[in-house]
């Protein structure tokens, strides 16, 4: 507390001399301590107003009001996360906390430490509002519910491990049809109950199908009877959403037959009691055995009667059917005729394809780059010889003409002119010869370059590098494995010639092919001289 003296006017000095002076901060602090000392902890009942959910900081700010007043309320983040009942707009609650002030705005408020609905009516209102909300989202639709398995191998139970509920379920399962049971222990009442039940449902659904812990075929969420407050954990949204999201069929058995919770609406099936849930999960083994025995007896009798009737029908049909020899006689005859025609057709086809191959070879030989190159070289050689002969002839003719003219002329200037022209003619002849040689060299270089280009583009260059060209019987290239069938004749062209081969089969048959090749290498001279189907010695014998 601090005081500050200020000069007073003569008129007010007498009246203000005995009153202490306060700063705003000091007065706010004094009011805060007085309020907190007088109202340490209070239990306040009112209706929640102005609630908009938790702030980004995690704290919740709202107000409590009744018919005549309103007070601000704050729930800190740590307390808000532990609340069993979440505040909602318009909810009538009883808040327990301490009264304090907020000096920055000269307001007093209550710091809430716990909150609970004001009576069963408030809980029912919350429950009804939550039911309408989840119904609007479609969590309770019948179309989402899945049928239960007829006889599950593993039953998962979410309940308290120490109560009578788990003993009743195990006893009923053992009495009706013993099954393997996995229990996920949870608290079924209290602040952490809802989170534990939701985690158990999601945990069972997260188990792998073939993992070390078997995945249940059906789930039972069970709890004994109690008041609305005791069963409230099963009305929480986190539990209802976990039940609706479960991919494993779920049976809800909460309380007695007259009790109901929101998980009953989201579950695939509701049981009136935990014992009833066990009865709905598995059938009665004795009834199944009796039904199975009756069905087995009926099935045996029906099969016996069916066998007798089919035997009689078969004998009647056998007498009307023709013999197997008669059925196959026509087909055998057609096969023999086709075999005779096939042999003739094969020979004819081989000759026709041979003729086509010879014609194609002749055409290819005429169009061979070597032949074309030789022709070009011959033309250049002929042209070169003609040019040389023509040049010599022209030179000799000019020389003769000059000699005749010189013989008729005896004047010295004419002889000088003749000598000059002769020298110019000789120089021109030398230049012509040099130009001819240069042009010929240029054309030879160009021809050699073209020939090298032809060689690089020719398939023979590829064959020289170790590759081979595979041709079918029609002389067409074989580009894919799908075009080759076992026994199909093929021509394999290498850089120095071609080899006729017969396709043996897939790569997996390679060992058999190698054994056949070794046997062929050791064949007798008579077998080596045996001609093949294509009119020549066996290529494998070479």
Protein backbone atom coordinates (compact mmCIF):
# COMPACT_ATOMS: atom_id res chain seq x y z
CA UNK A 1 0.00 0.00 0.00
CA UNK A 2 1.43 3.36 -0.95
CA UNK A 3 0.24 6.82 -0.18
CA UNK A 4 0.96 10.05 -2.02
CA UNK A 5 0.59 13.58 -0.56
CA UNK A 6 -0.50 16.38 -2.83
CA UNK A 7 -0.95 20.07 -2.03
CA UNK A 8 -4.48 20.90 -0.93
CA UNK A 9 -6.37 24.10 -1.44
CA UNK A 10 -7.14 26.23 1.62
CA UNK A 11 -10.86 25.36 1.29
CA UNK A 12 -10.38 21.60 1.37
CA UNK A 13 -7.29 21.29 3.53
CA UNK A 14 -9.23 20.77 6.73
CA UNK A 15 -11.59 18.13 5.28
CA UNK A 16 -8.90 16.12 3.34
CA UNK A 17 -6.17 16.10 5.90
CA UNK A 18 -7.43 12.92 7.66
CA UNK A 19 -8.30 10.80 4.43
CA UNK A 20 -5.48 8.53 3.09
CA UNK A 21 -4.63 8.60 -0.60
CA UNK A 22 -4.49 5.33 -2.70
CA UNK A 23 -3.04 4.53 -6.07
CA UNK A 24 -5.23 2.55 -8.46
CA UNK A 25 -2.93 -0.49 -8.29
CA UNK A 26 -2.83 -0.41 -4.49
CA UNK A 27 -6.59 -0.13 -4.20
CA UNK A 28 -7.11 -2.98 -6.72
CA UNK A 29 -4.70 -5.21 -4.81
CA UNK A 30 -6.41 -4.43 -1.50
CA UNK A 31 -9.84 -5.23 -2.97
CA UNK A 32 -8.49 -8.49 -4.46
CA UNK A 33 -7.08 -9.65 -1.10
CA UNK A 34 -10.25 -8.66 0.76
CA UNK A 35 -12.46 -10.55 -1.72
CA UNK A 36 -10.29 -13.67 -1.70
CA UNK A 37 -10.08 -13.68 2.11
CA UNK A 38 -13.83 -13.32 2.49
CA UNK A 39 -14.80 -15.83 -0.26
CA UNK A 40 -12.03 -18.43 -0.40
CA UNK A 41 -13.90 -21.33 -1.99
CA UNK A 42 -17.53 -21.12 -3.03
CA UNK A 43 -20.05 -23.50 -4.58
CA UNK A 44 -21.93 -21.50 -7.18
CA UNK A 45 -25.02 -22.55 -9.11
CA UNK A 46 -25.97 -20.88 -12.37
CA UNK A 47 -26.55 -21.18 -16.10
CA UNK A 48 -23.59 -21.10 -18.51
CA UNK A 49 -23.74 -18.15 -20.90
CA UNK A 50 -21.37 -16.81 -23.56
CA UNK A 51 -19.50 -20.13 -23.89
CA UNK A 52 -17.61 -20.46 -27.18
CA UNK A 53 -15.36 -23.41 -26.39
CA UNK A 54 -11.78 -23.35 -25.15
CA UNK A 55 -9.55 -20.46 -26.20
CA UNK A 56 -6.49 -21.03 -28.41
CA UNK A 57 -4.45 -21.02 -25.19
CA UNK A 58 -6.54 -23.92 -23.84
CA UNK A 59 -8.35 -21.83 -21.18
CA UNK A 60 -12.15 -21.50 -21.21
CA UNK A 61 -13.90 -18.17 -20.59
CA UNK A 62 -17.67 -17.82 -20.06
CA UNK A 63 -20.24 -16.49 -17.58
CA UNK A 64 -22.63 -17.87 -14.95
CA UNK A 65 -26.01 -16.20 -14.57
CA UNK A 66 -29.34 -16.55 -12.86
CA UNK A 67 -32.48 -14.42 -12.84
CA UNK A 68 -30.82 -11.35 -11.34
CA UNK A 69 -27.03 -11.33 -11.87
CA UNK A 70 -24.09 -12.54 -13.87
CA UNK A 71 -20.48 -13.39 -12.94
CA UNK A 72 -17.50 -14.12 -15.19
CA UNK A 73 -15.92 -17.55 -14.94
CA UNK A 74 -12.54 -18.95 -16.01
CA UNK A 75 -11.36 -22.56 -16.28
CA UNK A 76 -7.62 -22.92 -16.69
CA UNK A 77 -6.24 -25.33 -19.30
CA UNK A 78 -5.00 -27.97 -16.85
CA UNK A 79 -8.38 -28.09 -15.04
CA UNK A 80 -10.37 -28.06 -18.31
CA UNK A 81 -8.61 -31.21 -19.58
CA UNK A 82 -9.58 -33.12 -16.42
CA UNK A 83 -13.28 -32.19 -16.38
CA UNK A 84 -15.67 -35.13 -16.58
CA UNK A 85 -18.50 -32.91 -17.87
CA UNK A 86 -17.62 -30.33 -20.53
CA UNK A 87 -19.38 -26.96 -20.26
CA UNK A 88 -22.06 -26.23 -22.86
CA UNK A 89 -24.08 -23.12 -23.64
CA UNK A 90 -27.28 -22.96 -21.56
CA UNK A 91 -26.28 -25.80 -19.19
CA UNK A 92 -27.24 -25.35 -15.54
CA UNK A 93 -24.24 -26.35 -13.45
CA UNK A 94 -22.77 -26.19 -9.98
CA UNK A 95 -19.25 -24.73 -10.19
CA UNK A 96 -16.76 -25.04 -7.32
CA UNK A 97 -13.91 -22.50 -7.23
CA UNK A 98 -12.53 -19.35 -5.68
CA UNK A 99 -13.59 -15.72 -6.12
CA UNK A 100 -10.97 -13.25 -7.27
CA UNK A 101 -10.68 -10.03 -9.25
CA UNK A 102 -9.12 -9.09 -12.55
CA UNK A 103 -7.49 -5.70 -11.81
CA UNK A 104 -6.92 -4.83 -15.47
CA UNK A 105 -10.68 -4.34 -15.99
CA UNK A 106 -11.96 -3.88 -12.42
CA UNK A 107 -14.06 -7.08 -12.57
CA UNK A 108 -14.48 -9.92 -10.17
CA UNK A 109 -14.70 -13.53 -11.41
CA UNK A 110 -14.69 -17.14 -10.27
CA UNK A 111 -11.77 -19.46 -11.04
CA UNK A 112 -13.55 -22.78 -11.57
CA UNK A 113 -11.83 -25.89 -10.20
CA UNK A 114 -14.64 -28.40 -10.81
CA UNK A 115 -18.01 -28.35 -12.49
CA UNK A 116 -20.99 -30.70 -12.49
CA UNK A 117 -24.54 -30.57 -13.85
CA UNK A 118 -27.17 -29.23 -11.50
CA UNK A 119 -29.30 -32.39 -11.08
CA UNK A 120 -30.45 -35.28 -13.23
CA UNK A 121 -32.61 -33.02 -15.38
CA UNK A 122 -29.55 -31.16 -16.60
CA UNK A 123 -27.80 -34.42 -17.45
CA UNK A 124 -30.84 -35.59 -19.41
CA UNK A 125 -30.92 -32.30 -21.30
CA UNK A 126 -27.22 -32.70 -22.17
CA UNK A 127 -27.81 -36.29 -23.15
CA UNK A 128 -30.74 -35.40 -25.41
CA UNK A 129 -28.85 -32.55 -27.07
CA UNK A 130 -25.85 -34.81 -27.69
CA UNK A 131 -28.11 -37.54 -29.08
CA UNK A 132 -29.67 -35.10 -31.57
CA UNK A 133 -26.22 -33.88 -32.64
CA UNK A 134 -24.81 -37.36 -33.25
CA UNK A 135 -28.00 -38.49 -34.97
CA UNK A 136 -27.69 -35.58 -37.38
CA UNK A 137 -24.15 -36.76 -38.19
CA UNK A 138 -25.48 -40.22 -39.07
CA UNK A 139 -23.66 -42.14 -36.31
CA UNK A 140 -26.85 -43.99 -35.32
CA UNK A 141 -28.09 -44.94 -38.81
CA UNK A 142 -29.15 -48.56 -39.20
CA UNK A 143 -27.35 -48.74 -42.56
CA UNK A 144 -24.00 -48.44 -40.75
CA UNK A 145 -24.63 -51.43 -38.48
CA UNK A 146 -22.92 -54.72 -39.37
CA UNK A 147 -24.22 -58.26 -38.76
CA UNK A 148 -22.52 -60.32 -36.06
CA UNK A 149 -20.45 -63.36 -37.09
CA UNK A 150 -22.31 -66.65 -36.57
CA UNK A 151 -19.49 -68.32 -34.62
CA UNK A 152 -16.56 -66.01 -33.75
CA UNK A 153 -13.19 -67.56 -32.99
CA UNK A 154 -12.09 -64.74 -30.65
CA UNK A 155 -14.33 -62.54 -28.50
CA UNK A 156 -12.97 -59.20 -27.26
CA UNK A 157 -14.41 -57.80 -24.01
CA UNK A 158 -13.98 -54.20 -22.83
CA UNK A 159 -14.91 -53.99 -19.15
CA UNK A 160 -13.51 -53.86 -15.63
CA UNK A 161 -11.40 -56.95 -14.85
CA UNK A 162 -12.47 -57.06 -11.18
CA UNK A 163 -16.27 -56.83 -11.40
CA UNK A 164 -18.92 -59.51 -11.66
CA UNK A 165 -19.60 -58.58 -15.29
CA UNK A 166 -16.54 -60.35 -16.71
CA UNK A 167 -17.28 -63.48 -14.65
CA UNK A 168 -20.87 -63.59 -15.94
CA UNK A 169 -19.68 -63.20 -19.56
CA UNK A 170 -17.01 -65.92 -19.26
CA UNK A 171 -19.43 -68.30 -17.54
CA UNK A 172 -22.11 -67.81 -20.20
CA UNK A 173 -19.63 -68.24 -23.07
CA UNK A 174 -18.24 -71.45 -21.55
CA UNK A 175 -21.76 -72.77 -21.02
CA UNK A 176 -23.00 -72.04 -24.56
CA UNK A 177 -19.93 -72.43 -26.80
CA UNK A 178 -16.39 -72.07 -25.37
CA UNK A 179 -14.45 -69.45 -27.30
CA UNK A 180 -11.16 -67.64 -26.79
CA UNK A 181 -11.74 -64.38 -24.89
CA UNK A 182 -9.46 -61.31 -24.85
CA UNK A 183 -10.18 -58.85 -22.04
CA UNK A 184 -9.08 -55.20 -22.31
CA UNK A 185 -9.25 -53.90 -18.73
CA UNK A 186 -10.68 -50.37 -18.33
CA UNK A 187 -12.29 -48.21 -15.70
CA UNK A 188 -16.05 -48.17 -16.26
CA UNK A 189 -16.61 -45.12 -14.03
CA UNK A 190 -14.64 -41.98 -13.25
CA UNK A 191 -12.85 -39.16 -15.02
CA UNK A 192 -10.60 -41.35 -17.25
CA UNK A 193 -13.22 -44.00 -17.96
CA UNK A 194 -14.41 -42.61 -21.32
CA UNK A 195 -10.89 -42.19 -22.70
CA UNK A 196 -9.93 -45.73 -21.61
CA UNK A 197 -13.03 -47.32 -23.18
CA UNK A 198 -12.49 -45.45 -26.47
CA UNK A 199 -8.80 -46.42 -26.49
CA UNK A 200 -9.73 -50.08 -25.88
CA UNK A 201 -12.18 -50.15 -28.81
CA UNK A 202 -9.66 -48.52 -31.15
CA UNK A 203 -6.89 -50.77 -29.79
CA UNK A 204 -8.81 -53.94 -30.65
CA UNK A 205 -9.49 -52.57 -34.15
CA UNK A 206 -5.80 -51.75 -34.62
CA UNK A 207 -4.67 -55.36 -34.04
CA UNK A 208 -3.35 -56.97 -37.28
CA UNK A 209 -5.26 -59.94 -38.64
CA UNK A 210 -2.26 -62.31 -38.56
CA UNK A 211 -0.41 -60.71 -35.65
CA UNK A 212 0.86 -62.40 -32.49
CA UNK A 213 -2.28 -61.25 -30.63
CA UNK A 214 -5.38 -62.55 -32.46
CA UNK A 215 -7.82 -59.92 -33.69
CA UNK A 216 -11.32 -60.39 -32.19
CA UNK A 217 -14.22 -61.25 -34.48
CA UNK A 218 -16.73 -59.50 -32.19
CA UNK A 219 -16.44 -56.94 -29.35
CA UNK A 220 -18.50 -56.68 -26.16
CA UNK A 221 -18.48 -53.40 -24.21
CA UNK A 222 -20.08 -54.22 -20.86
CA UNK A 223 -20.82 -52.64 -17.48
CA UNK A 224 -23.16 -53.41 -14.62
CA UNK A 225 -26.08 -51.26 -13.56
CA UNK A 226 -25.85 -47.85 -11.94
CA UNK A 227 -27.19 -44.33 -11.88
CA UNK A 228 -27.11 -41.93 -14.79
CA UNK A 229 -23.98 -40.33 -13.37
CA UNK A 230 -22.31 -43.75 -13.03
CA UNK A 231 -23.06 -44.63 -16.66
CA UNK A 232 -22.14 -41.18 -18.02
CA UNK A 233 -18.78 -42.35 -19.42
CA UNK A 234 -20.66 -44.32 -22.08
CA UNK A 235 -22.51 -41.16 -23.16
CA UNK A 236 -19.30 -39.28 -23.99
CA UNK A 237 -18.70 -38.41 -27.65
CA UNK A 238 -15.27 -40.03 -27.72
CA UNK A 239 -16.78 -43.41 -26.75
CA UNK A 240 -19.72 -43.10 -29.16
CA UNK A 241 -17.46 -42.14 -32.08
CA UNK A 242 -15.05 -44.98 -31.32
CA UNK A 243 -17.96 -47.46 -31.34
CA UNK A 244 -19.29 -46.06 -34.62
CA UNK A 245 -15.83 -46.21 -36.25
CA UNK A 246 -15.19 -49.80 -35.16
CA UNK A 247 -14.74 -52.19 -38.09
CA UNK A 248 -15.28 -55.14 -35.73
CA UNK A 249 -18.98 -55.81 -34.96
CA UNK A 250 -19.70 -54.41 -31.48
CA UNK A 251 -22.27 -55.40 -28.84
CA UNK A 252 -23.12 -52.84 -26.15
CA UNK A 253 -24.26 -54.22 -22.78
CA UNK A 254 -24.38 -51.23 -20.40
CA UNK A 255 -26.42 -51.42 -17.20
CA UNK A 256 -29.70 -53.28 -16.86
CA UNK A 257 -32.47 -53.68 -19.41
CA UNK A 258 -34.10 -50.35 -18.50
CA UNK A 259 -30.83 -48.39 -18.73
CA UNK A 260 -29.74 -46.87 -22.01
CA UNK A 261 -26.71 -44.87 -23.15
CA UNK A 262 -25.55 -43.35 -26.41
CA UNK A 263 -23.16 -46.23 -27.09
CA UNK A 264 -26.24 -48.50 -27.31
CA UNK A 265 -27.38 -46.47 -30.32
CA UNK A 266 -23.97 -46.50 -32.03
CA UNK A 267 -23.27 -50.20 -31.44
CA UNK A 268 -24.15 -52.84 -34.02
CA UNK A 269 -26.31 -54.62 -31.41
CA UNK A 270 -27.62 -53.74 -27.94
CA UNK A 271 -27.88 -56.40 -25.25
CA UNK A 272 -30.07 -55.84 -22.18
CA UNK A 273 -27.40 -57.25 -19.84
CA UNK A 274 -23.77 -58.41 -20.07
CA UNK A 275 -25.00 -62.02 -19.84
CA UNK A 276 -27.35 -61.33 -22.74
CA UNK A 277 -24.41 -59.98 -24.75
CA UNK A 278 -22.58 -63.29 -24.30
CA UNK A 279 -25.71 -65.16 -25.45
CA UNK A 280 -25.92 -63.00 -28.60
CA UNK A 281 -22.20 -63.40 -29.35
CA UNK A 282 -22.15 -67.23 -29.68
CA UNK A 283 -24.78 -69.91 -30.39
CA UNK A 284 -25.55 -72.94 -28.18
CA UNK A 285 -23.14 -75.75 -28.99
CA UNK A 286 -25.58 -78.55 -28.10
CA UNK A 287 -28.22 -77.11 -30.43
CA UNK A 288 -25.69 -76.84 -33.23
CA UNK A 289 -24.58 -80.45 -32.75
CA UNK A 290 -28.20 -81.66 -32.83
CA UNK A 291 -28.93 -79.61 -35.94
CA UNK A 292 -25.73 -80.84 -37.59
CA UNK A 293 -26.57 -84.47 -36.84
CA UNK A 294 -30.06 -84.05 -38.31
CA UNK A 295 -28.69 -82.31 -41.42
CA UNK A 296 -26.03 -85.03 -41.82
CA UNK A 297 -28.66 -87.78 -41.64
CA UNK A 298 -30.86 -86.01 -44.17
CA UNK A 299 -27.89 -85.31 -46.44
CA UNK A 300 -26.80 -88.98 -46.32
CA UNK A 301 -30.30 -90.15 -47.26
CA UNK A 302 -30.60 -87.59 -50.06
CA UNK A 303 -27.19 -88.55 -51.45
CA UNK A 304 -28.11 -92.24 -51.41
CA UNK A 305 -31.34 -91.59 -53.30
CA UNK A 306 -29.53 -89.28 -55.75
CA UNK A 307 -26.85 -91.92 -56.34
CA UNK A 308 -29.42 -94.60 -57.07
CA UNK A 309 -31.32 -92.33 -59.46
CA UNK A 310 -28.16 -91.18 -61.27
CA UNK A 311 -26.96 -94.80 -61.58
CA UNK A 312 -30.24 -95.80 -63.19
CA UNK A 313 -30.14 -92.83 -65.54
CA UNK A 314 -26.54 -93.59 -66.48
CA UNK A 315 -27.33 -97.17 -67.36
CA UNK A 316 -30.23 -96.04 -69.53
CA UNK A 317 -28.06 -93.50 -71.32
CA UNK A 318 -25.23 -96.04 -71.79
CA UNK A 319 -27.53 -98.34 -73.70
CA UNK A 320 -28.46 -95.53 -76.10
CA UNK A 321 -24.92 -94.26 -76.73
CA UNK A 322 -22.86 -95.58 -79.70
CA UNK A 323 -19.54 -97.31 -79.10
CA UNK A 324 -16.31 -95.38 -78.85
CA UNK A 325 -14.88 -96.90 -82.03
CA UNK A 326 -17.85 -95.64 -84.05
CA UNK A 327 -17.52 -92.16 -82.61
CA UNK A 328 -13.82 -91.95 -83.51
CA UNK A 329 -13.90 -93.70 -86.91
CA UNK A 330 -14.85 -90.63 -88.95
CA UNK A 331 -12.40 -88.39 -87.14
CA UNK A 332 -9.57 -90.89 -87.63
CA UNK A 333 -10.28 -91.07 -91.37
CA UNK A 334 -10.30 -87.27 -91.65
CA UNK A 335 -7.01 -87.18 -89.75
CA UNK A 336 -5.38 -89.66 -92.15
CA UNK A 337 -6.54 -87.66 -95.19
CA UNK A 338 -5.28 -84.43 -93.65
CA UNK A 339 -1.91 -86.06 -92.87
CA UNK A 340 -1.48 -87.14 -96.51
CA UNK A 341 -2.33 -83.69 -97.80
CA UNK A 342 -0.05 -82.11 -95.24
CA UNK A 343 3.02 -83.98 -96.46
CA UNK A 344 2.39 -82.92 -100.06
CA UNK A 345 1.62 -79.35 -98.97
CA UNK A 346 4.84 -79.17 -96.98
CA UNK A 347 6.94 -80.14 -99.99
CA UNK A 348 5.08 -77.74 -102.24
CA UNK A 349 5.42 -74.96 -99.71
CA UNK A 350 9.17 -75.58 -99.34
CA UNK A 351 9.68 -75.42 -103.11
CA UNK A 352 7.54 -72.29 -103.46
CA UNK A 353 9.37 -70.52 -100.66
CA UNK A 354 12.71 -71.65 -102.10
CA UNK A 355 11.84 -70.09 -105.44
CA UNK A 356 10.76 -66.87 -103.78
CA UNK A 357 13.95 -66.83 -101.76
CA UNK A 358 16.10 -67.31 -104.88
CA UNK A 359 14.31 -64.48 -106.72
CA UNK A 360 14.68 -62.23 -103.69
CA UNK A 361 18.37 -63.14 -103.47
CA UNK A 362 18.91 -62.20 -107.11
CA UNK A 363 17.14 -58.87 -106.60
CA UNK A 364 19.16 -58.25 -103.48
CA UNK A 365 22.40 -59.12 -105.28
CA UNK A 366 21.62 -56.61 -108.06
CA UNK A 367 20.90 -53.93 -105.48
CA UNK A 368 23.89 -54.76 -103.29
CA UNK A 369 26.03 -51.72 -102.33
CA UNK A 370 29.13 -53.61 -103.50
CA UNK A 371 27.71 -54.09 -106.99
CA UNK A 372 26.59 -50.46 -107.18
CA UNK A 373 30.00 -49.32 -105.98
CA UNK A 374 31.82 -51.46 -108.55
CA UNK A 375 29.60 -50.05 -111.30
CA UNK A 376 30.38 -46.50 -110.19
CA UNK A 377 34.10 -47.27 -110.10
CA UNK A 378 33.91 -48.78 -113.60
CA UNK A 379 32.15 -45.67 -114.92
CA UNK A 380 34.77 -43.41 -113.34
CA UNK A 381 37.60 -45.53 -114.76
CA UNK A 382 36.04 -45.47 -118.25
CA UNK A 383 35.55 -41.72 -118.00
CA UNK A 384 39.15 -41.26 -116.82
CA UNK A 385 40.56 -43.34 -119.72
CA UNK A 386 38.36 -41.49 -122.25
CA UNK A 387 39.49 -38.15 -120.85
CA UNK A 388 43.17 -39.09 -121.06
CA UNK A 389 42.80 -40.47 -124.57
CA UNK A 390 40.88 -37.39 -125.73
CA UNK A 391 43.44 -35.05 -124.20
CA UNK A 392 46.35 -36.89 -125.88
CA UNK A 393 44.52 -36.96 -129.19
CA UNK A 394 43.74 -33.26 -129.03
CA UNK A 395 47.31 -32.44 -128.07
CA UNK A 396 48.77 -34.48 -130.89
CA UNK A 397 46.29 -32.95 -133.37
CA UNK A 398 47.21 -29.41 -132.30
CA UNK A 399 50.87 -30.27 -132.52
CA UNK A 400 50.43 -31.64 -136.05
CA UNK A 401 48.56 -28.54 -137.08
CA UNK A 402 51.26 -26.37 -135.61
CA UNK A 403 53.99 -28.32 -137.39
CA UNK A 404 52.21 -28.00 -140.69
CA UNK A 405 51.74 -24.31 -140.15
CA UNK A 406 55.38 -23.94 -139.13
CA UNK A 407 56.52 -25.72 -142.25
CA UNK A 408 54.68 -23.18 -144.36
CA UNK A 409 55.92 -20.20 -142.42
CA UNK A 410 59.52 -19.23 -142.04
CA UNK A 411 59.21 -15.91 -140.37
CA UNK A 412 60.80 -15.67 -136.97
CA UNK A 413 57.85 -13.83 -135.25
CA UNK A 414 55.53 -16.59 -136.28
CA UNK A 415 57.87 -19.17 -134.79
CA UNK A 416 58.05 -17.23 -131.58
CA UNK A 417 54.27 -17.05 -131.45
CA UNK A 418 54.10 -20.75 -132.14
CA UNK A 419 56.56 -21.46 -129.34
CA UNK A 420 54.57 -19.25 -127.03
CA UNK A 421 51.30 -20.93 -127.89
CA UNK A 422 52.96 -24.32 -127.55
CA UNK A 423 54.20 -23.40 -124.10
CA UNK A 424 50.75 -22.09 -123.11
CA UNK A 425 49.19 -25.26 -124.48
CA UNK A 426 51.61 -27.38 -122.45
CA UNK A 427 50.83 -25.35 -119.33
CA UNK A 428 47.11 -25.77 -119.96
CA UNK A 429 47.64 -29.49 -120.42
CA UNK A 430 49.48 -29.71 -117.10
CA UNK A 431 46.72 -27.72 -115.33
CA UNK A 432 44.09 -29.92 -116.94
CA UNK A 433 45.87 -33.05 -115.78
CA UNK A 434 46.22 -31.64 -112.25
CA UNK A 435 42.55 -30.63 -112.18
CA UNK A 436 41.54 -34.06 -113.39
CA UNK A 437 43.67 -35.75 -110.73
CA UNK A 438 42.25 -33.45 -108.00
CA UNK A 439 38.64 -34.03 -109.15
CA UNK A 440 39.24 -37.78 -109.33
CA UNK A 441 40.75 -37.83 -105.81
CA UNK A 442 37.81 -35.84 -104.46
CA UNK A 443 35.30 -38.23 -106.03
CA UNK A 444 37.24 -41.25 -104.72
CA UNK A 445 37.20 -39.83 -101.20
CA UNK A 446 33.47 -39.21 -101.48
CA UNK A 447 32.85 -42.73 -102.82
CA UNK A 448 34.95 -44.21 -99.99
CA UNK A 449 32.96 -42.17 -97.42
CA UNK A 450 29.70 -43.35 -98.93
CA UNK A 451 30.91 -46.92 -98.87
CA UNK A 452 31.91 -46.60 -95.19
CA UNK A 453 28.45 -45.15 -94.45
CA UNK A 454 26.85 -48.04 -96.33
CA UNK A 455 28.99 -50.47 -94.32
CA UNK A 456 28.01 -48.85 -90.99
CA UNK A 457 24.31 -48.93 -91.90
CA UNK A 458 24.40 -52.44 -93.32
CA UNK A 459 23.17 -55.34 -91.20
CA UNK A 460 26.46 -57.09 -91.93
CA UNK A 461 28.27 -54.66 -89.62
CA UNK A 462 25.89 -55.68 -86.83
CA UNK A 463 26.46 -59.34 -87.67
CA UNK A 464 30.23 -58.82 -87.51
CA UNK A 465 29.89 -57.72 -83.88
CA UNK A 466 28.49 -61.11 -82.85
CA UNK A 467 24.78 -60.68 -83.60
CA UNK A 468 22.74 -62.91 -85.91
CA UNK A 469 19.67 -62.33 -88.13
CA UNK A 470 16.87 -64.88 -87.68
CA UNK A 471 14.61 -65.47 -90.71
CA UNK A 472 11.49 -67.62 -90.83
CA UNK A 473 10.61 -70.06 -93.58
CA UNK A 474 9.20 -67.19 -95.67
CA UNK A 475 12.45 -65.25 -95.44
CA UNK A 476 10.94 -62.64 -93.10
CA UNK A 477 12.86 -61.47 -89.99
CA UNK A 478 11.69 -62.94 -86.65
CA UNK A 479 11.51 -60.04 -84.18
CA UNK A 480 9.80 -61.63 -81.12
CA UNK A 481 9.76 -64.92 -79.23
CA UNK A 482 5.99 -65.17 -79.71
CA UNK A 483 6.51 -65.78 -83.46
CA UNK A 484 8.51 -68.97 -82.90
CA UNK A 485 6.90 -72.37 -82.29
CA UNK A 486 8.68 -75.65 -81.44
CA UNK A 487 9.73 -77.49 -84.60
CA UNK A 488 9.65 -74.35 -86.74
CA UNK A 489 12.51 -74.15 -89.30
CA UNK A 490 14.59 -70.99 -89.07
CA UNK A 491 17.56 -69.48 -90.96
CA UNK A 492 20.24 -67.88 -88.74
CA UNK A 493 22.37 -65.48 -90.83
CA UNK A 494 25.89 -64.74 -89.57
CA UNK A 495 28.49 -62.44 -91.05
CA UNK A 496 30.05 -65.26 -93.09
CA UNK A 497 26.94 -67.21 -94.06
CA UNK A 498 23.62 -68.69 -92.97
CA UNK A 499 22.68 -71.82 -90.97
CA UNK A 500 19.35 -73.64 -91.09
CA UNK A 501 18.08 -74.55 -87.56
CA UNK A 502 14.93 -76.05 -86.03
CA UNK A 503 13.29 -74.34 -83.02
CA UNK A 504 13.41 -76.75 -80.05
CA UNK A 505 11.27 -75.01 -77.36
CA UNK A 506 11.45 -72.62 -74.42
CA UNK A 507 14.62 -71.64 -72.56
CA UNK A 508 13.71 -74.13 -69.81
CA UNK A 509 14.25 -76.91 -72.38
CA UNK A 510 17.85 -75.77 -73.01
CA UNK A 511 19.49 -78.81 -71.28
CA UNK A 512 17.51 -81.17 -73.50
CA UNK A 513 18.56 -79.17 -76.58
CA UNK A 514 22.23 -79.40 -75.56
CA UNK A 515 21.95 -83.17 -75.05
CA UNK A 516 20.37 -83.45 -78.49
CA UNK A 517 23.22 -81.37 -79.97
CA UNK A 518 25.83 -83.67 -78.38
CA UNK A 519 24.06 -86.73 -79.76
CA UNK A 520 24.02 -85.13 -83.19
CA UNK A 521 27.74 -84.40 -83.02
CA UNK A 522 28.41 -88.11 -82.38
CA UNK A 523 25.99 -89.34 -85.05
CA UNK A 524 27.13 -92.01 -87.47
CA UNK A 525 28.20 -91.12 -91.02
CA UNK A 526 24.97 -92.59 -92.33
CA UNK A 527 22.93 -90.30 -90.07
CA UNK A 528 25.11 -87.33 -91.03
CA UNK A 529 24.38 -87.94 -94.66
CA UNK A 530 20.64 -88.18 -94.05
CA UNK A 531 18.96 -85.25 -95.91
CA UNK A 532 16.64 -82.89 -94.08
CA UNK A 533 13.14 -81.88 -94.98
CA UNK A 534 14.49 -78.81 -96.75
CA UNK A 535 16.53 -80.75 -99.31
CA UNK A 536 20.06 -80.59 -97.94
CA UNK A 537 22.30 -82.13 -95.33
CA UNK A 538 21.33 -81.69 -91.73
CA UNK A 539 22.82 -78.37 -90.55
CA UNK A 540 23.43 -79.84 -87.11
CA UNK A 541 25.74 -82.47 -88.59
CA UNK A 542 28.20 -79.90 -89.87
